[in-house]
Protein backbone atom coordinates (compact mmCIF):
# COMPACT_ATOMS: atom_id res chain seq x y z
CA MET A 1 164.18 -196.60 233.63
CA LYS A 2 166.63 -196.84 236.10
CA LEU A 3 166.68 -199.91 238.60
CA PRO A 4 168.79 -199.42 241.90
CA PHE A 5 170.04 -202.31 243.78
CA ILE A 6 170.81 -202.13 247.43
CA ALA A 7 174.51 -202.98 248.49
CA LEU A 8 174.65 -206.37 250.68
CA SER A 9 178.27 -208.19 251.30
CA ILE A 10 181.46 -208.63 250.07
CA ALA A 11 183.84 -206.00 248.88
CA LEU A 12 186.15 -206.41 245.98
CA ALA A 13 189.12 -206.54 247.56
CA ALA A 14 188.18 -210.34 248.86
CA CYS A 15 189.75 -211.17 245.55
CA GLY A 16 193.13 -211.93 247.22
CA ILE A 17 194.87 -209.74 244.58
CA ALA A 18 196.92 -206.94 245.42
CA GLU A 19 195.05 -204.18 243.25
CA PRO A 20 197.00 -201.56 241.58
CA ALA A 21 196.90 -198.12 243.06
CA SER A 22 194.27 -196.11 240.93
CA ALA A 23 192.01 -199.34 240.92
CA GLN A 24 192.01 -199.53 244.71
CA GLY A 25 189.31 -197.51 245.15
CA TRP A 26 186.97 -198.96 242.66
CA PRO A 27 184.25 -198.97 243.15
CA ASN A 28 183.61 -196.42 246.02
CA ARG A 29 179.98 -194.89 244.14
CA THR A 30 177.29 -195.84 242.09
CA ILE A 31 177.92 -197.82 239.28
CA ARG A 32 176.25 -197.68 235.99
CA ILE A 33 175.55 -200.30 233.69
CA VAL A 34 174.09 -199.17 230.33
CA VAL A 35 172.03 -201.77 228.44
CA PRO A 36 171.18 -199.99 225.03
CA TYR A 37 167.91 -201.96 224.46
CA ALA A 38 164.89 -201.17 226.14
CA PRO A 39 163.57 -202.59 229.44
CA GLY A 40 161.79 -206.40 229.56
CA GLY A 41 164.62 -207.66 227.06
CA GLY A 42 167.05 -210.26 227.24
CA VAL A 43 170.07 -207.89 227.77
CA SER A 44 167.81 -206.04 230.21
CA VAL A 45 166.69 -209.10 232.21
CA LEU A 46 170.85 -210.10 232.62
CA ALA A 47 171.75 -206.75 233.13
CA GLN A 48 169.36 -206.61 236.42
CA ILE A 49 170.55 -210.61 237.65
CA VAL A 50 174.29 -209.65 237.22
CA GLY A 51 173.91 -205.72 238.72
CA ASN A 52 171.87 -207.29 241.88
CA LYS A 53 174.98 -209.54 242.46
CA LEU A 54 177.51 -207.08 241.29
CA SER A 55 176.31 -204.77 244.16
CA GLU A 56 176.24 -207.26 246.50
CA LEU A 57 179.96 -208.42 246.02
CA THR A 58 180.97 -204.66 245.90
CA LYS A 59 179.17 -202.90 248.39
CA GLN A 60 177.89 -200.31 246.12
CA PRO A 61 174.80 -199.36 244.31
CA VAL A 62 174.35 -200.15 240.67
CA VAL A 63 171.81 -198.92 238.16
CA ILE A 64 170.65 -200.20 235.30
CA ASP A 65 170.06 -197.35 232.80
CA ASN A 66 168.26 -198.54 229.62
CA ARG A 67 168.90 -196.31 226.50
CA PRO A 68 167.40 -198.06 223.46
CA GLY A 69 167.36 -196.67 219.65
CA ALA A 70 169.69 -197.50 216.45
CA GLY A 71 169.81 -201.03 217.08
CA GLY A 72 171.99 -200.24 220.06
CA ASN A 73 173.67 -197.42 219.00
CA VAL A 74 172.24 -194.91 221.22
CA GLY A 75 173.57 -196.68 224.33
CA ALA A 76 176.82 -197.32 223.20
CA ASP A 77 177.39 -193.77 221.96
CA ILE A 78 176.81 -192.67 225.44
CA VAL A 79 179.05 -194.94 227.29
CA ALA A 80 181.73 -193.95 224.25
CA LYS A 81 181.47 -190.13 225.38
CA ALA A 82 181.15 -191.19 229.27
CA THR A 83 184.39 -190.55 231.88
CA PRO A 84 186.62 -193.62 231.36
CA ASP A 85 186.71 -194.41 235.17
CA GLY A 86 185.09 -197.55 235.50
CA TYR A 87 181.90 -195.90 236.85
CA THR A 88 179.76 -196.25 233.51
CA ILE A 89 179.79 -199.58 231.88
CA LEU A 90 177.97 -200.83 228.35
CA LEU A 91 176.61 -204.38 228.22
CA HIS A 92 175.76 -205.17 224.81
CA THR A 93 175.37 -207.77 222.21
CA SER A 94 177.45 -209.07 219.74
CA ALA A 95 175.55 -206.68 217.77
CA LEU A 96 178.14 -204.20 218.13
CA ALA A 97 180.75 -205.95 216.62
CA SER A 98 178.85 -205.56 213.27
CA ALA A 99 177.92 -201.88 213.51
CA VAL A 100 180.87 -199.86 212.11
CA PRO A 101 180.60 -201.94 208.78
CA LEU A 102 176.81 -202.20 209.03
CA TYR A 103 175.85 -198.45 209.45
CA LYS A 104 176.62 -195.68 206.89
CA SER A 105 177.88 -193.41 209.91
CA LEU A 106 178.31 -193.66 213.43
CA PRO A 107 179.29 -191.36 216.13
CA PHE A 108 181.51 -193.63 217.64
CA ASP A 109 184.16 -196.47 216.78
CA SER A 110 183.26 -199.65 218.07
CA VAL A 111 186.97 -200.82 218.08
CA LYS A 112 189.23 -197.85 218.99
CA ASP A 113 186.11 -196.27 221.57
CA PHE A 114 185.66 -198.91 223.60
CA VAL A 115 187.67 -201.29 225.92
CA PRO A 116 186.20 -204.86 226.05
CA VAL A 117 186.13 -205.89 229.55
CA THR A 118 184.68 -209.47 229.92
CA MET A 119 182.03 -211.76 227.91
CA VAL A 120 179.62 -212.34 230.87
CA ILE A 121 177.41 -215.21 228.90
CA THR A 122 177.44 -216.86 225.56
CA SER A 123 174.19 -218.42 223.76
CA GLN A 124 173.51 -220.36 221.08
CA THR A 125 170.76 -219.66 218.15
CA LEU A 126 168.31 -221.91 216.43
CA VAL A 127 168.18 -223.08 212.85
CA CYS A 128 164.23 -223.65 212.24
CA GLY A 129 162.56 -224.69 209.50
CA SER A 130 159.09 -224.44 208.70
CA SER A 131 157.00 -227.58 209.49
CA LYS A 132 154.57 -227.19 206.32
CA TYR A 133 157.97 -227.34 204.18
CA PRO A 134 159.32 -231.49 203.62
CA ALA A 135 162.77 -231.47 204.71
CA THR A 136 163.39 -232.89 208.40
CA THR A 137 166.78 -231.94 208.86
CA LEU A 138 169.31 -229.19 207.96
CA ARG A 139 171.05 -231.50 205.67
CA GLU A 140 168.13 -232.39 203.68
CA LEU A 141 167.46 -228.50 203.70
CA ILE A 142 170.83 -227.86 202.17
CA ALA A 143 170.72 -230.76 199.61
CA GLN A 144 167.22 -229.18 198.28
CA ALA A 145 168.47 -225.49 198.52
CA LYS A 146 171.59 -226.99 196.30
CA ALA A 147 169.52 -228.63 193.66
CA LYS A 148 167.32 -225.69 192.96
CA PRO A 149 169.51 -222.76 193.87
CA GLY A 150 167.65 -219.67 194.60
CA SER A 151 164.10 -221.57 195.01
CA MET A 152 164.18 -221.29 198.76
CA ASN A 153 164.16 -218.68 200.83
CA TYR A 154 164.80 -217.60 204.85
CA ALA A 155 163.66 -215.11 206.80
CA SER A 156 165.15 -212.59 209.70
CA SER A 157 164.11 -210.03 212.09
CA GLY A 158 165.29 -207.01 210.02
CA PRO A 159 168.22 -206.38 207.16
CA GLY A 160 171.37 -206.22 209.27
CA SER A 161 170.44 -207.95 212.14
CA SER A 162 172.41 -210.65 213.85
CA LEU A 163 170.09 -213.45 212.46
CA HIS A 164 170.17 -212.06 209.17
CA LEU A 165 173.98 -212.19 209.28
CA LEU A 166 174.13 -215.67 210.74
CA ALA A 167 171.78 -216.88 207.79
CA GLU A 168 174.40 -215.09 205.41
CA LEU A 169 177.13 -216.76 207.15
CA LEU A 170 175.34 -220.09 206.67
CA LYS A 171 174.76 -219.71 202.84
CA SER A 172 178.54 -218.90 202.80
CA ALA A 173 179.64 -221.88 204.43
CA ALA A 174 177.18 -224.12 203.03
CA GLY A 175 177.49 -223.02 199.73
CA ILE A 176 173.61 -222.50 198.90
CA ASP A 177 171.29 -219.61 197.73
CA LEU A 178 168.79 -218.66 199.44
CA GLN A 179 166.13 -215.37 199.03
CA HIS A 180 166.59 -213.29 202.25
CA ILE A 181 162.94 -212.03 203.29
CA PRO A 182 163.10 -209.53 206.45
CA TYR A 183 160.50 -208.94 208.77
CA ARG A 184 160.23 -206.21 211.57
CA GLY A 185 161.28 -208.09 214.20
CA ASP A 186 161.13 -211.76 215.88
CA ALA A 187 157.77 -212.31 216.21
CA PRO A 188 155.92 -211.50 212.65
CA MET A 189 159.23 -213.26 211.55
CA LEU A 190 157.91 -216.43 213.62
CA THR A 191 154.32 -216.10 212.59
CA ALA A 192 155.63 -216.48 208.57
CA MET A 193 157.89 -219.65 209.72
CA ILE A 194 154.83 -221.23 211.43
CA ALA A 195 152.55 -220.31 208.37
CA GLY A 196 155.03 -221.95 205.85
CA ASP A 197 155.85 -218.83 204.22
CA VAL A 198 159.51 -219.17 204.44
CA HIS A 199 161.62 -222.23 204.50
CA LEU A 200 164.27 -221.39 207.54
CA ALA A 201 165.49 -218.99 209.57
CA PHE A 202 167.51 -218.34 212.92
CA LEU A 203 165.54 -217.88 215.94
CA PRO A 204 167.18 -216.34 219.17
CA GLN A 205 166.67 -218.83 222.29
CA ALA A 206 163.99 -216.92 223.79
CA ASN A 207 161.08 -217.59 221.20
CA GLY A 208 163.13 -220.26 219.14
CA LEU A 209 163.14 -222.68 221.79
CA ALA A 210 159.37 -222.51 222.86
CA ALA A 211 158.19 -222.74 219.35
CA ILE A 212 160.24 -225.96 218.99
CA GLN A 213 159.08 -227.39 222.09
CA SER A 214 155.60 -226.40 220.90
CA ASN A 215 156.14 -228.09 217.54
CA LEU A 216 155.10 -225.13 215.87
CA VAL A 217 158.55 -224.87 213.90
CA ARG A 218 161.31 -227.66 212.97
CA GLY A 219 164.62 -227.69 215.14
CA LEU A 220 166.66 -228.45 212.29
CA ALA A 221 170.30 -227.62 213.98
CA VAL A 222 171.99 -225.09 216.90
CA THR A 223 175.04 -222.92 215.93
CA GLY A 224 177.16 -224.02 219.09
CA ARG A 225 180.04 -226.72 219.22
CA LYS A 226 177.88 -228.91 221.53
CA ARG A 227 173.97 -229.68 221.49
CA MET A 228 171.78 -228.14 223.70
CA THR A 229 170.66 -229.54 227.14
CA GLN A 230 167.04 -228.38 226.16
CA LEU A 231 167.09 -230.14 222.73
CA PRO A 232 168.89 -233.11 222.78
CA ASN A 233 167.61 -234.13 219.72
CA VAL A 234 168.58 -231.41 217.85
CA PRO A 235 172.25 -231.95 215.88
CA THR A 236 174.82 -228.88 215.47
CA ILE A 237 175.62 -227.29 212.22
CA SER A 238 178.65 -229.07 212.07
CA GLU A 239 176.86 -232.37 213.04
CA GLU A 240 174.82 -231.86 209.70
CA GLY A 241 177.67 -231.58 207.04
CA VAL A 242 178.69 -227.55 207.31
CA ALA A 243 182.19 -228.09 208.94
CA GLY A 244 183.75 -225.55 211.34
CA PHE A 245 180.05 -223.36 211.70
CA GLU A 246 180.50 -222.57 215.21
CA GLU A 247 178.75 -219.22 215.86
CA GLY A 248 177.55 -218.22 219.27
CA ASN A 249 175.85 -215.08 220.44
CA TRP A 250 177.36 -213.31 223.58
CA MET A 251 176.66 -210.53 225.75
CA GLY A 252 179.65 -208.55 227.03
CA MET A 253 180.70 -205.71 229.01
CA PHE A 254 182.85 -202.45 227.79
CA VAL A 255 184.06 -199.41 228.93
CA PRO A 256 184.98 -196.11 227.77
CA ALA A 257 188.40 -195.81 225.86
CA GLY A 258 190.96 -194.56 228.50
CA THR A 259 189.98 -196.44 231.18
CA PRO A 260 192.86 -197.58 233.20
CA SER A 261 194.08 -200.93 232.71
CA ASP A 262 193.71 -201.96 236.25
CA VAL A 263 190.54 -200.46 236.64
CA VAL A 264 189.32 -203.08 233.76
CA LEU A 265 191.02 -205.97 235.55
CA ALA A 266 189.23 -204.93 238.92
CA ILE A 267 185.72 -204.84 236.67
CA GLN A 268 186.32 -208.24 235.09
CA GLN A 269 187.20 -209.82 238.32
CA ALA A 270 184.32 -208.94 240.51
CA MET A 271 182.26 -209.92 237.30
CA ALA A 272 184.09 -213.26 237.03
CA LYS A 273 182.87 -213.56 240.75
CA VAL A 274 179.12 -212.75 240.02
CA VAL A 275 178.66 -215.28 237.22
CA ALA A 276 180.28 -217.86 239.17
CA GLU A 277 177.60 -217.45 242.29
CA PRO A 278 175.42 -220.21 242.16
CA GLN A 279 172.25 -218.63 242.09
CA VAL A 280 173.44 -216.48 238.68
CA ARG A 281 174.71 -219.59 237.04
CA GLU A 282 171.41 -221.48 237.74
CA ARG A 283 169.44 -218.54 236.21
CA VAL A 284 171.83 -218.01 232.99
CA LEU A 285 171.97 -222.09 232.59
CA ALA A 286 167.99 -222.28 232.84
CA VAL A 287 167.29 -220.29 229.80
CA GLY A 288 170.46 -221.88 227.79
CA GLN A 289 173.06 -219.51 228.08
CA GLU A 290 176.57 -220.17 229.44
CA PRO A 291 178.23 -217.82 231.96
CA VAL A 292 181.54 -216.88 231.12
CA GLY A 293 183.46 -213.46 232.68
CA ASN A 294 186.96 -214.36 230.85
CA PRO A 295 189.84 -211.86 231.00
CA PRO A 296 189.69 -208.38 229.06
CA ALA A 297 192.72 -209.83 226.51
CA GLU A 298 190.55 -212.70 225.77
CA PHE A 299 187.64 -210.97 225.16
CA ALA A 300 188.97 -208.34 223.30
CA ALA A 301 190.46 -211.22 220.61
CA GLN A 302 187.27 -212.36 220.45
CA PHE A 303 185.64 -209.32 219.83
CA ARG A 304 188.19 -208.05 216.95
CA ALA A 305 187.44 -211.71 215.06
CA ASP A 306 183.89 -210.45 215.39
CA VAL A 307 184.29 -207.52 214.03
CA ALA A 308 186.43 -209.27 210.97
CA ARG A 309 183.94 -211.58 209.94
CA TYR A 310 180.87 -209.57 210.25
CA ALA A 311 182.59 -206.80 207.86
CA LYS A 312 183.56 -209.96 205.42
CA VAL A 313 179.99 -211.35 205.59
CA ILE A 314 178.70 -207.74 204.99
CA GLU A 315 180.49 -207.10 201.60
CA GLN A 316 180.12 -210.53 200.21
CA ALA A 317 176.46 -210.81 200.94
CA ARG A 318 176.56 -207.12 199.93
CA ILE A 319 174.16 -205.87 202.27
CA PRO A 320 173.10 -202.19 202.07
CA LYS A 321 174.53 -200.01 205.04
CA LEU A 322 171.91 -198.60 207.44
CA ASP A 323 171.19 -194.97 207.96
């Protein structure tokens, strides 16, 4: 699905910073943002929001190209093999950081074949417990899991999913043994939690927030450094006694390896302006996300750290590689 946006206003040159020669012409034609997930999902919605504003700022059309498949790997491969000129940009999640250690074989290398441009937004994940289980806090649940190792379980939206990896990180950090019950997606996982079939699950904000506010599940903790505005009574994981557990999800932009560094910087500077726009900030903050727009070097360091961390947890948890 492709959604063209009409260009409206300020040119990128208004940054007030002299652009290097190869970036002076960027952008002078249509920009394509590849979303490796289906239309209507969180990544696609964000792409439309920032794509519209990027079109306004650069006076060029922006096309959103949804290429779902293989957990985001189909769209990622398209960008990895695209011309490295700054006109094909991947908007992906932290799932890209776990792709190499998680899959048996990939047509690309997450580290070698992409240049991280900027983290667009970051968001927290919610640790939820079944309302049919007596533990009302994460601290209580951890204590009960330690008292009877292996007697409790957790759900995920599928083997190797980000929600699966977060639960394994929690198991390691808290020193507990929980049995994994995978489901085919977020919806059946949430249904199982409501029914009391599972004790614990990490849920994305998209459906976890509404489930907590509707008292369908218990909000036990959030994964970030601070509490969410929408859930002021739900503590962080660190507050519940698991020191140093601060795991945020992110969506970020990548371009093919070989893209000139000054073009990468021009894209990042444009995106920093995009996420600073009041209309964009308001829409992002309204759903519990935080706009970022950080420099390429900073995002690259975060990305490499995430790749290493996910590789370690996948190995420790003995998560089978996916086809």
